[in-house]
PDB file of N, CA and C in Angstrom:
ATOM      1  N   UNK A   1       0.873  -1.177   0.018  1.00  0.00           N
ATOM      2  CA  UNK A   1       0.000  -0.012   0.011  1.00  0.00           C
ATOM      3  C   UNK A   1       0.865   1.257  -0.025  1.00  0.00           C
ATOM      4  N   UNK A   2       0.579   2.191  -0.834  1.00  0.00           N
ATOM      5  CA  UNK A   2       1.354   3.403  -0.918  1.00  0.00           C
ATOM      6  C   UNK A   2       1.000   4.341   0.248  1.00  0.00           C
ATOM      7  N   UNK A   3       1.841   5.274   0.491  1.00  0.00           N
ATOM      8  CA  UNK A   3       1.598   6.248   1.528  1.00  0.00           C
ATOM      9  C   UNK A   3       0.560   7.228   1.085  1.00  0.00           C
ATOM     10  N   UNK A   4      -0.334   7.559   2.029  1.00  0.00           N
ATOM     11  CA  UNK A   4      -1.391   8.510   1.723  1.00  0.00           C
ATOM     12  C   UNK A   4      -1.378   9.629   2.700  1.00  0.00           C
ATOM     13  N   UNK A   5      -1.947  10.764   2.307  1.00  0.00           N
ATOM     14  CA  UNK A   5      -2.191  11.860   3.211  1.00  0.00           C
ATOM     15  C   UNK A   5      -3.461  11.558   3.984  1.00  0.00           C
ATOM     16  N   UNK A   6      -3.423  11.600   5.286  1.00  0.00           N
ATOM     17  CA  UNK A   6      -4.584  11.334   6.122  1.00  0.00           C
ATOM     18  C   UNK A   6      -5.155  12.641   6.537  1.00  0.00           C
ATOM     19  N   UNK A   7      -6.456  12.821   6.293  1.00  0.00           N
ATOM     20  CA  UNK A   7      -7.163  14.075   6.652  1.00  0.00           C
ATOM     21  C   UNK A   7      -8.236  13.777   7.660  1.00  0.00           C
ATOM     22  N   UNK A   8      -8.206  14.519   8.742  1.00  0.00           N
ATOM     23  CA  UNK A   8      -9.242  14.249   9.770  1.00  0.00           C
ATOM     24  C   UNK A   8      -9.631  15.588  10.466  1.00  0.00           C
ATOM     25  N   UNK A   9     -10.762  15.611  11.051  1.00  0.00           N
ATOM     26  CA  UNK A   9     -11.291  16.755  11.707  1.00  0.00           C
ATOM     27  C   UNK A   9     -10.888  16.699  13.199  1.00  0.00           C
ATOM     28  N   UNK A  10     -10.217  17.699  13.651  1.00  0.00           N
ATOM     29  CA  UNK A  10      -9.757  17.773  15.097  1.00  0.00           C
ATOM     30  C   UNK A  10     -10.404  19.021  15.655  1.00  0.00           C
ATOM     31  N   UNK A  11     -11.519  18.910  16.307  1.00  0.00           N
ATOM     32  CA  UNK A  11     -12.264  20.099  16.817  1.00  0.00           C
ATOM     33  C   UNK A  11     -12.795  20.862  15.652  1.00  0.00           C
ATOM     34  N   UNK A  12     -12.382  22.101  15.512  1.00  0.00           N
ATOM     35  CA  UNK A  12     -12.804  22.889  14.374  1.00  0.00           C
ATOM     36  C   UNK A  12     -11.723  23.110  13.351  1.00  0.00           C
ATOM     37  N   UNK A  13     -10.702  22.285  13.399  1.00  0.00           N
ATOM     38  CA  UNK A  13      -9.573  22.326  12.479  1.00  0.00           C
ATOM     39  C   UNK A  13      -9.466  21.041  11.691  1.00  0.00           C
ATOM     40  N   UNK A  14      -9.204  21.146  10.388  1.00  0.00           N
ATOM     41  CA  UNK A  14      -8.820  19.978   9.598  1.00  0.00           C
ATOM     42  C   UNK A  14      -7.332  19.793   9.719  1.00  0.00           C
ATOM     43  N   UNK A  15      -6.929  18.526   9.881  1.00  0.00           N
ATOM     44  CA  UNK A  15      -5.511  18.177   9.941  1.00  0.00           C
ATOM     45  C   UNK A  15      -5.196  17.312   8.708  1.00  0.00           C
ATOM     46  N   UNK A  16      -4.165  17.669   7.958  1.00  0.00           N
ATOM     47  CA  UNK A  16      -3.683  16.848   6.865  1.00  0.00           C
ATOM     48  C   UNK A  16      -2.299  16.409   7.240  1.00  0.00           C
ATOM     49  N   UNK A  17      -2.086  15.117   7.414  1.00  0.00           N
ATOM     50  CA  UNK A  17      -0.850  14.573   7.922  1.00  0.00           C
ATOM     51  C   UNK A  17      -0.312  13.487   6.976  1.00  0.00           C
ATOM     52  N   UNK A  18       1.020  13.484   6.779  1.00  0.00           N
ATOM     53  CA  UNK A  18       1.673  12.555   5.863  1.00  0.00           C
ATOM     54  C   UNK A  18       2.856  11.933   6.538  1.00  0.00           C
ATOM     55  N   UNK A  19       3.047  10.642   6.438  1.00  0.00           N
ATOM     56  CA  UNK A  19       2.160   9.670   5.781  1.00  0.00           C
ATOM     57  C   UNK A  19       1.082   9.229   6.713  1.00  0.00           C
ATOM     58  N   UNK A  20       0.121   8.525   6.126  1.00  0.00           N
ATOM     59  CA  UNK A  20      -0.997   7.984   6.900  1.00  0.00           C
ATOM     60  C   UNK A  20      -0.514   7.203   8.063  1.00  0.00           C
ATOM     61  N   UNK A  21      -1.232   7.184   9.112  1.00  0.00           N
ATOM     62  CA  UNK A  21      -0.961   6.410  10.340  1.00  0.00           C
ATOM     63  C   UNK A  21       0.255   6.963  11.167  1.00  0.00           C
ATOM     64  N   UNK A  22       0.784   8.098  10.722  1.00  0.00           N
ATOM     65  CA  UNK A  22       1.859   8.698  11.520  1.00  0.00           C
ATOM     66  C   UNK A  22       1.198   9.694  12.597  1.00  0.00           C
ATOM     67  N   UNK A  23       1.980  10.104  13.489  1.00  0.00           N
ATOM     68  CA  UNK A  23       1.472  11.118  14.450  1.00  0.00           C
ATOM     69  C   UNK A  23       2.280  12.412  14.323  1.00  0.00           C
ATOM     70  N   UNK A  24       1.953  13.419  15.088  1.00  0.00           N
ATOM     71  CA  UNK A  24       2.626  14.745  14.919  1.00  0.00           C
ATOM     72  C   UNK A  24       4.108  14.679  15.243  1.00  0.00           C
ATOM     73  N   UNK A  25       4.535  13.715  16.023  1.00  0.00           N
ATOM     74  CA  UNK A  25       5.913  13.606  16.430  1.00  0.00           C
ATOM     75  C   UNK A  25       6.812  12.934  15.350  1.00  0.00           C
ATOM     76  N   UNK A  26       6.259  12.069  14.561  1.00  0.00           N
ATOM     77  CA  UNK A  26       7.094  11.378  13.566  1.00  0.00           C
ATOM     78  C   UNK A  26       6.627  11.524  12.115  1.00  0.00           C
ATOM     79  N   UNK A  27       5.711  12.447  11.864  1.00  0.00           N
ATOM     80  CA  UNK A  27       5.202  12.605  10.479  1.00  0.00           C
ATOM     81  C   UNK A  27       6.260  13.305   9.649  1.00  0.00           C
ATOM     82  N   UNK A  28       6.149  13.230   8.329  1.00  0.00           N
ATOM     83  CA  UNK A  28       7.001  13.998   7.465  1.00  0.00           C
ATOM     84  C   UNK A  28       6.486  15.390   7.205  1.00  0.00           C
ATOM     85  N   UNK A  29       5.110  15.528   7.210  1.00  0.00           N
ATOM     86  CA  UNK A  29       4.496  16.828   6.960  1.00  0.00           C
ATOM     87  C   UNK A  29       3.127  16.873   7.597  1.00  0.00           C
ATOM     88  N   UNK A  30       2.754  18.083   8.077  1.00  0.00           N
ATOM     89  CA  UNK A  30       1.429  18.253   8.634  1.00  0.00           C
ATOM     90  C   UNK A  30       1.021  19.691   8.392  1.00  0.00           C
ATOM     91  N   UNK A  31      -0.292  19.856   8.123  1.00  0.00           N
ATOM     92  CA  UNK A  31      -0.855  21.201   7.924  1.00  0.00           C
ATOM     93  C   UNK A  31      -2.249  21.217   8.513  1.00  0.00           C
ATOM     94  N   UNK A  32      -2.658  22.355   8.987  1.00  0.00           N
ATOM     95  CA  UNK A  32      -4.015  22.526   9.553  1.00  0.00           C
ATOM     96  C   UNK A  32      -4.735  23.642   8.806  1.00  0.00           C
ATOM     97  N   UNK A  33      -6.039  23.472   8.725  1.00  0.00           N
ATOM     98  CA  UNK A  33      -6.899  24.479   8.116  1.00  0.00           C
ATOM     99  C   UNK A  33      -8.210  24.497   8.902  1.00  0.00           C
ATOM    100  N   UNK A  34      -8.760  25.688   9.191  1.00  0.00           N
ATOM    101  CA  UNK A  34     -10.015  25.733   9.949  1.00  0.00           C
ATOM    102  C   UNK A  34     -11.192  25.263   9.070  1.00  0.00           C
ATOM    103  N   UNK A  35     -12.274  24.854   9.674  1.00  0.00           N
ATOM    104  CA  UNK A  35     -13.474  24.493   8.921  1.00  0.00           C
ATOM    105  C   UNK A  35     -13.866  25.749   8.156  1.00  0.00           C
ATOM    106  N   UNK A  36     -14.282  25.544   6.958  1.00  0.00           N
ATOM    107  CA  UNK A  36     -14.680  26.686   6.101  1.00  0.00           C
ATOM    108  C   UNK A  36     -16.014  26.310   5.391  1.00  0.00           C
ATOM    109  N   UNK A  37     -17.057  26.506   6.183  1.00  0.00           N
ATOM    110  CA  UNK A  37     -18.400  26.123   5.682  1.00  0.00           C
ATOM    111  C   UNK A  37     -19.011  27.289   4.906  1.00  0.00           C
ATOM    112  N   UNK A  38     -19.372  27.028   3.654  1.00  0.00           N
ATOM    113  CA  UNK A  38     -19.991  28.020   2.784  1.00  0.00           C
ATOM    114  C   UNK A  38     -21.340  27.533   2.395  1.00  0.00           C
ATOM    115  N   UNK A  39     -22.348  28.432   2.603  1.00  0.00           N
ATOM    116  CA  UNK A  39     -23.732  28.070   2.209  1.00  0.00           C
ATOM    117  C   UNK A  39     -23.973  28.608   0.781  1.00  0.00           C
ATOM    118  N   UNK A  40     -24.425  27.703  -0.080  1.00  0.00           N
ATOM    119  CA  UNK A  40     -24.717  28.095  -1.462  1.00  0.00           C
ATOM    120  C   UNK A  40     -26.250  28.280  -1.561  1.00  0.00           C
ATOM    121  N   UNK A  41     -26.677  29.500  -1.700  1.00  0.00           N
ATOM    122  CA  UNK A  41     -28.153  29.752  -1.725  1.00  0.00           C
ATOM    123  C   UNK A  41     -28.778  29.157  -2.981  1.00  0.00           C
ATOM    124  N   UNK A  42     -28.040  29.155  -4.126  1.00  0.00           N
ATOM    125  CA  UNK A  42     -28.564  28.619  -5.354  1.00  0.00           C
ATOM    126  C   UNK A  42     -28.823  27.105  -5.220  1.00  0.00           C
ATOM    127  N   UNK A  43     -27.920  26.407  -4.616  1.00  0.00           N
ATOM    128  CA  UNK A  43     -28.110  24.937  -4.424  1.00  0.00           C
ATOM    129  C   UNK A  43     -28.853  24.575  -3.157  1.00  0.00           C
ATOM    130  N   UNK A  44     -28.925  25.539  -2.233  1.00  0.00           N
ATOM    131  CA  UNK A  44     -29.613  25.274  -0.995  1.00  0.00           C
ATOM    132  C   UNK A  44     -28.890  24.309  -0.017  1.00  0.00           C
ATOM    133  N   UNK A  45     -27.572  24.348  -0.071  1.00  0.00           N
ATOM    134  CA  UNK A  45     -26.832  23.465   0.854  1.00  0.00           C
ATOM    135  C   UNK A  45     -25.474  24.096   1.220  1.00  0.00           C
ATOM    136  N   UNK A  46     -24.900  23.533   2.245  1.00  0.00           N
ATOM    137  CA  UNK A  46     -23.637  24.023   2.738  1.00  0.00           C
ATOM    138  C   UNK A  46     -22.546  23.000   2.364  1.00  0.00           C
ATOM    139  N   UNK A  47     -21.286  23.522   2.306  1.00  0.00           N
ATOM    140  CA  UNK A  47     -20.140  22.649   2.039  1.00  0.00           C
ATOM    141  C   UNK A  47     -18.980  23.142   2.765  1.00  0.00           C
ATOM    142  N   UNK A  48     -18.174  22.214   3.347  1.00  0.00           N
ATOM    143  CA  UNK A  48     -17.024  22.557   4.109  1.00  0.00           C
ATOM    144  C   UNK A  48     -15.744  22.396   3.217  1.00  0.00           C
ATOM    145  N   UNK A  49     -15.132  23.542   2.917  1.00  0.00           N
ATOM    146  CA  UNK A  49     -13.948  23.539   2.034  1.00  0.00           C
ATOM    147  C   UNK A  49     -12.613  23.454   2.822  1.00  0.00           C
ATOM    148  N   UNK A  50     -12.701  23.398   4.129  1.00  0.00           N
ATOM    149  CA  UNK A  50     -11.503  23.352   4.923  1.00  0.00           C
ATOM    150  C   UNK A  50     -10.631  22.109   4.726  1.00  0.00           C
ATOM    151  N   UNK A  51     -11.303  20.957   4.481  1.00  0.00           N
ATOM    152  CA  UNK A  51     -10.592  19.719   4.308  1.00  0.00           C
ATOM    153  C   UNK A  51      -9.634  19.815   3.073  1.00  0.00           C
ATOM    154  N   UNK A  52     -10.163  20.267   1.949  1.00  0.00           N
ATOM    155  CA  UNK A  52      -9.332  20.386   0.744  1.00  0.00           C
ATOM    156  C   UNK A  52      -8.285  21.517   0.948  1.00  0.00           C
ATOM    157  N   UNK A  53      -8.627  22.526   1.719  1.00  0.00           N
ATOM    158  CA  UNK A  53      -7.607  23.574   1.969  1.00  0.00           C
ATOM    159  C   UNK A  53      -6.391  23.046   2.708  1.00  0.00           C
ATOM    160  N   UNK A  54      -6.585  22.171   3.705  1.00  0.00           N
ATOM    161  CA  UNK A  54      -5.552  21.539   4.411  1.00  0.00           C
ATOM    162  C   UNK A  54      -4.633  20.700   3.506  1.00  0.00           C
ATOM    163  N   UNK A  55      -5.255  19.923   2.651  1.00  0.00           N
ATOM    164  CA  UNK A  55      -4.469  19.101   1.685  1.00  0.00           C
ATOM    165  C   UNK A  55      -3.671  19.970   0.719  1.00  0.00           C
ATOM    166  N   UNK A  56      -4.319  21.039   0.206  1.00  0.00           N
ATOM    167  CA  UNK A  56      -3.636  21.911  -0.747  1.00  0.00           C
ATOM    168  C   UNK A  56      -2.429  22.604  -0.057  1.00  0.00           C
ATOM    169  N   UNK A  57      -2.652  23.011   1.192  1.00  0.00           N
ATOM    170  CA  UNK A  57      -1.466  23.608   1.925  1.00  0.00           C
ATOM    171  C   UNK A  57      -0.369  22.655   2.132  1.00  0.00           C
ATOM    172  N   UNK A  58      -0.644  21.413   2.477  1.00  0.00           N
ATOM    173  CA  UNK A  58       0.404  20.422   2.670  1.00  0.00           C
ATOM    174  C   UNK A  58       1.131  20.164   1.341  1.00  0.00           C
ATOM    175  N   UNK A  59       0.427  20.101   0.259  1.00  0.00           N
ATOM    176  CA  UNK A  59       1.087  19.883  -1.040  1.00  0.00           C
ATOM    177  C   UNK A  59       1.915  21.045  -1.532  1.00  0.00           C
ATOM    178  N   UNK A  60       1.357  22.266  -1.194  1.00  0.00           N
ATOM    179  CA  UNK A  60       2.133  23.461  -1.601  1.00  0.00           C
ATOM    180  C   UNK A  60       3.394  23.626  -0.838  1.00  0.00           C
ATOM    181  N   UNK A  61       3.378  23.349   0.469  1.00  0.00           N
ATOM    182  CA  UNK A  61       4.589  23.399   1.282  1.00  0.00           C
ATOM    183  C   UNK A  61       5.523  22.261   1.178  1.00  0.00           C
ATOM    184  N   UNK A  62       5.037  21.158   0.545  1.00  0.00           N
ATOM    185  CA  UNK A  62       5.840  19.951   0.356  1.00  0.00           C
ATOM    186  C   UNK A  62       5.630  19.403  -1.031  1.00  0.00           C
ATOM    187  N   UNK A  63       6.170  20.059  -2.027  1.00  0.00           N
ATOM    188  CA  UNK A  63       5.821  19.710  -3.413  1.00  0.00           C
ATOM    189  C   UNK A  63       6.182  18.272  -3.771  1.00  0.00           C
ATOM    190  N   UNK A  64       7.037  17.570  -3.047  1.00  0.00           N
ATOM    191  CA  UNK A  64       7.356  16.225  -3.364  1.00  0.00           C
ATOM    192  C   UNK A  64       6.242  15.237  -2.956  1.00  0.00           C
ATOM    193  N   UNK A  65       5.240  15.717  -2.142  1.00  0.00           N
ATOM    194  CA  UNK A  65       4.149  14.897  -1.738  1.00  0.00           C
ATOM    195  C   UNK A  65       2.940  15.207  -2.624  1.00  0.00           C
ATOM    196  N   UNK A  66       2.673  14.338  -3.584  1.00  0.00           N
ATOM    197  CA  UNK A  66       1.567  14.547  -4.483  1.00  0.00           C
ATOM    198  C   UNK A  66       0.659  13.342  -4.580  1.00  0.00           C
ATOM    199  N   UNK A  67       0.642  12.581  -3.438  1.00  0.00           N
ATOM    200  CA  UNK A  67      -0.182  11.375  -3.406  1.00  0.00           C
ATOM    201  C   UNK A  67      -1.619  11.656  -3.094  1.00  0.00           C
ATOM    202  N   UNK A  68      -2.449  10.683  -3.117  1.00  0.00           N
ATOM    203  CA  UNK A  68      -3.874  10.837  -2.810  1.00  0.00           C
ATOM    204  C   UNK A  68      -4.080  11.034  -1.319  1.00  0.00           C
ATOM    205  N   UNK A  69      -5.278  11.399  -0.921  1.00  0.00           N
ATOM    206  CA  UNK A  69      -5.592  11.592   0.515  1.00  0.00           C
ATOM    207  C   UNK A  69      -6.772  10.728   0.883  1.00  0.00           C
ATOM    208  N   UNK A  70      -6.820  10.386   2.199  1.00  0.00           N
ATOM    209  CA  UNK A  70      -7.890   9.583   2.771  1.00  0.00           C
ATOM    210  C   UNK A  70      -8.540  10.272   3.856  1.00  0.00           C
ATOM    211  N   UNK A  71      -9.832  10.263   3.962  1.00  0.00           N
ATOM    212  CA  UNK A  71     -10.584  10.779   5.069  1.00  0.00           C
ATOM    213  C   UNK A  71     -11.828   9.879   5.278  1.00  0.00           C
ATOM    214  N   UNK A  72     -12.244   9.840   6.569  1.00  0.00           N
ATOM    215  CA  UNK A  72     -13.501   9.044   6.834  1.00  0.00           C
ATOM    216  C   UNK A  72     -14.735   9.992   6.803  1.00  0.00           C
ATOM    217  N   UNK A  73     -14.471  11.290   6.603  1.00  0.00           N
ATOM    218  CA  UNK A  73     -15.574  12.265   6.692  1.00  0.00           C
ATOM    219  C   UNK A  73     -15.766  12.931   5.345  1.00  0.00           C
ATOM    220  N   UNK A  74     -16.886  12.907   4.781  1.00  0.00           N
ATOM    221  CA  UNK A  74     -17.214  13.616   3.535  1.00  0.00           C
ATOM    222  C   UNK A  74     -18.362  14.535   3.787  1.00  0.00           C
ATOM    223  N   UNK A  75     -18.341  15.662   3.198  1.00  0.00           N
ATOM    224  CA  UNK A  75     -19.426  16.662   3.332  1.00  0.00           C
ATOM    225  C   UNK A  75     -20.429  16.525   2.229  1.00  0.00           C
TER     226      UNK A  75
END
């Protein structure tokens, strides 16, 4: 199995950590992004963009990490 970016919600912050199953002490990269819930009046629903923002930040700050990400939470 290849290494993945693990994305999870920690309180009101999204955490993107690489590689999957690592913790803050031994990970290669980690980034946080606050929940970013935007209500779309046209569609009549809300969406949280914070999860993708955390992944984008991790990839921008670590260009060698371009793998997929995994999360158990979908909006």
